[in-house]
């Protein structure tokens, strides 16, 4: 089985989660950052995983555009969808459900939140200001949910 993971990342958290996930998947796994151009031909893959991080309640435009452009093709594949965000519980679930088309989520084998992180040294001035004001956090914080990544990989391996 060939698996493609397409994602977008701003400061690297999503990419780190993708690399961790890729190690746990069986078969050939290719991952591709949508910010570096057009995704590979989906017909070459049996499974497609799509992910990105949430900023101000929204997933990156590249991820939204990819899902819209490839909606019909994604419906024919075994799929998984994930977000990286610093929220948890019902808020994270709502952000996940808002990030992807409902018809894709309804047919997905796996969907989850992988947690997130704030690394201030990587952020631009405006992002630092927003994070400090909204989250009331002013130091580096990481909340990567390894158990969610492990569970997601297990589900996708069985799909």
Protein backbone atom coordinates (compact mmCIF):
# COMPACT_ATOMS: atom_id res chain seq x y z
CA UNK A 1 0.00 0.00 0.00
CA UNK A 2 1.20 3.47 -0.90
CA UNK A 3 0.28 6.34 1.39
CA UNK A 4 0.56 10.05 0.64
CA UNK A 5 0.51 12.60 3.44
CA UNK A 6 -0.15 16.14 2.26
CA UNK A 7 0.09 18.97 4.74
CA UNK A 8 0.89 22.62 5.31
CA UNK A 9 2.92 24.00 8.16
CA UNK A 10 3.82 27.51 9.24
CA UNK A 11 6.37 27.03 11.99
CA UNK A 12 7.13 23.30 11.72
CA UNK A 13 4.87 21.63 14.30
CA UNK A 14 2.69 19.96 11.67
CA UNK A 15 5.74 18.80 9.74
CA UNK A 16 7.20 17.23 12.88
CA UNK A 17 3.90 15.41 13.50
CA UNK A 18 3.86 14.24 9.86
CA UNK A 19 7.37 12.81 10.16
CA UNK A 20 6.41 10.99 13.37
CA UNK A 21 3.23 9.66 11.76
CA UNK A 22 5.08 8.52 8.63
CA UNK A 23 7.43 6.35 10.72
CA UNK A 24 4.44 4.52 12.19
CA UNK A 25 2.63 3.77 8.94
CA UNK A 26 3.16 0.53 7.04
CA UNK A 27 4.01 0.36 3.34
CA UNK A 28 5.55 3.10 1.26
CA UNK A 29 4.87 6.57 2.68
CA UNK A 30 5.50 9.85 0.89
CA UNK A 31 4.84 13.21 2.52
CA UNK A 32 4.49 16.53 0.75
CA UNK A 33 4.29 20.11 2.02
CA UNK A 34 1.57 21.88 0.03
CA UNK A 35 3.39 25.20 0.50
CA UNK A 36 6.12 23.95 -1.86
CA UNK A 37 3.82 23.52 -4.86
CA UNK A 38 1.24 21.19 -6.34
CA UNK A 39 0.75 17.80 -4.70
CA UNK A 40 1.81 14.60 -6.46
CA UNK A 41 -0.64 12.62 -8.61
CA UNK A 42 -3.18 11.11 -6.21
CA UNK A 43 -3.83 8.13 -8.46
CA UNK A 44 -0.47 6.66 -7.39
CA UNK A 45 -1.64 6.24 -3.79
CA UNK A 46 -4.07 3.92 -2.02
CA UNK A 47 -4.37 6.09 1.09
CA UNK A 48 -4.28 9.87 1.44
CA UNK A 49 -3.78 11.70 4.73
CA UNK A 50 -4.39 15.45 4.84
CA UNK A 51 -3.37 17.73 7.69
CA UNK A 52 -2.51 21.23 8.73
CA UNK A 53 -2.40 23.60 11.62
CA UNK A 54 -5.11 25.91 12.84
CA UNK A 55 -4.46 29.66 13.03
CA UNK A 56 -7.16 31.96 14.29
CA UNK A 57 -9.68 29.14 13.96
CA UNK A 58 -8.85 28.26 10.35
CA UNK A 59 -6.65 25.74 8.57
CA UNK A 60 -4.10 26.99 6.03
CA UNK A 61 -5.43 28.05 2.65
CA UNK A 62 -3.23 25.49 0.87
CA UNK A 63 -4.98 22.64 2.71
CA UNK A 64 -8.47 24.02 2.01
CA UNK A 65 -7.59 24.53 -1.65
CA UNK A 66 -6.16 21.01 -1.94
CA UNK A 67 -9.33 19.47 -0.50
CA UNK A 68 -11.60 21.53 -2.77
CA UNK A 69 -9.53 20.84 -5.89
CA UNK A 70 -9.27 17.09 -5.20
CA UNK A 71 -12.68 16.46 -3.60
CA UNK A 72 -13.81 13.81 -6.08
CA UNK A 73 -10.46 11.99 -6.08
CA UNK A 74 -10.27 11.97 -2.30
CA UNK A 75 -13.72 10.38 -2.11
CA UNK A 76 -12.34 7.30 -3.90
CA UNK A 77 -9.41 6.78 -1.48
CA UNK A 78 -8.97 5.57 2.06
CA UNK A 79 -8.43 8.87 3.85
CA UNK A 80 -7.40 10.36 7.15
CA UNK A 81 -7.57 13.99 8.29
CA UNK A 82 -5.79 15.73 11.15
CA UNK A 83 -5.13 19.14 12.58
CA UNK A 84 -2.50 20.55 14.87
CA UNK A 85 -3.84 23.05 17.36
CA UNK A 86 -3.46 24.07 20.99
CA UNK A 87 -7.10 23.47 21.81
CA UNK A 88 -8.54 20.24 23.15
CA UNK A 89 -11.86 18.53 23.69
CA UNK A 90 -14.94 19.94 22.01
CA UNK A 91 -13.12 23.02 20.70
CA UNK A 92 -10.47 20.91 18.92
CA UNK A 93 -13.19 18.64 17.53
CA UNK A 94 -15.10 21.66 16.23
CA UNK A 95 -11.95 23.08 14.61
CA UNK A 96 -11.28 19.70 12.96
CA UNK A 97 -14.84 19.51 11.64
CA UNK A 98 -14.63 23.09 10.32
CA UNK A 99 -11.24 22.51 8.64
CA UNK A 100 -12.31 19.90 6.10
CA UNK A 101 -15.32 19.28 3.84
CA UNK A 102 -18.01 17.37 5.70
CA UNK A 103 -18.38 14.71 2.99
CA UNK A 104 -14.68 13.87 3.29
CA UNK A 105 -14.78 13.66 7.07
CA UNK A 106 -17.87 11.46 6.97
CA UNK A 107 -16.03 8.86 4.86
CA UNK A 108 -12.64 9.17 6.59
CA UNK A 109 -11.02 6.13 8.17
CA UNK A 110 -9.31 8.37 10.75
CA UNK A 111 -9.58 11.94 11.97
CA UNK A 112 -7.94 13.52 14.99
CA UNK A 113 -6.11 16.42 16.58
CA UNK A 114 -2.38 15.94 17.17
CA UNK A 115 -1.97 18.81 19.64
CA UNK A 116 0.32 21.72 18.94
CA UNK A 117 3.03 24.00 20.17
CA UNK A 118 3.99 27.61 20.56
CA UNK A 119 7.69 28.19 19.92
CA UNK A 120 8.13 31.94 20.22
CA UNK A 121 11.60 32.02 18.62
CA UNK A 122 10.03 30.77 15.37
CA UNK A 123 7.13 33.24 15.35
CA UNK A 124 6.93 36.60 13.66
CA UNK A 125 6.13 39.64 15.78
CA UNK A 126 2.40 39.71 15.01
CA UNK A 127 1.91 36.00 15.76
CA UNK A 128 3.76 36.37 19.08
CA UNK A 129 1.52 39.28 20.01
CA UNK A 130 -1.68 37.41 19.11
CA UNK A 131 -0.66 34.22 20.93
CA UNK A 132 0.28 36.12 24.07
CA UNK A 133 -2.96 38.08 24.07
CA UNK A 134 -5.37 35.27 23.16
CA UNK A 135 -3.81 32.28 24.94
CA UNK A 136 -2.24 34.15 27.85
CA UNK A 137 0.91 32.08 27.22
CA UNK A 138 4.24 33.88 26.99
CA UNK A 139 6.77 31.05 26.93
CA UNK A 140 7.47 28.09 24.66
CA UNK A 141 4.83 25.42 25.14
CA UNK A 142 4.48 22.03 23.48
CA UNK A 143 1.46 19.77 23.71
CA UNK A 144 2.05 17.18 20.98
CA UNK A 145 -0.38 14.29 21.55
CA UNK A 146 1.78 11.30 20.66
CA UNK A 147 -0.95 8.89 21.72
CA UNK A 148 -3.28 10.47 19.13
CA UNK A 149 -0.64 10.09 16.41
CA UNK A 150 -0.12 6.44 17.40
CA UNK A 151 -3.86 5.73 17.36
CA UNK A 152 -4.30 7.50 14.01
CA UNK A 153 -1.44 5.45 12.49
CA UNK A 154 -2.94 2.22 13.82
CA UNK A 155 -6.32 3.01 12.29
CA UNK A 156 -4.79 3.97 8.94
CA UNK A 157 -2.66 0.81 8.89
CA UNK A 158 -5.85 -1.27 9.22
CA UNK A 159 -7.83 0.76 6.65
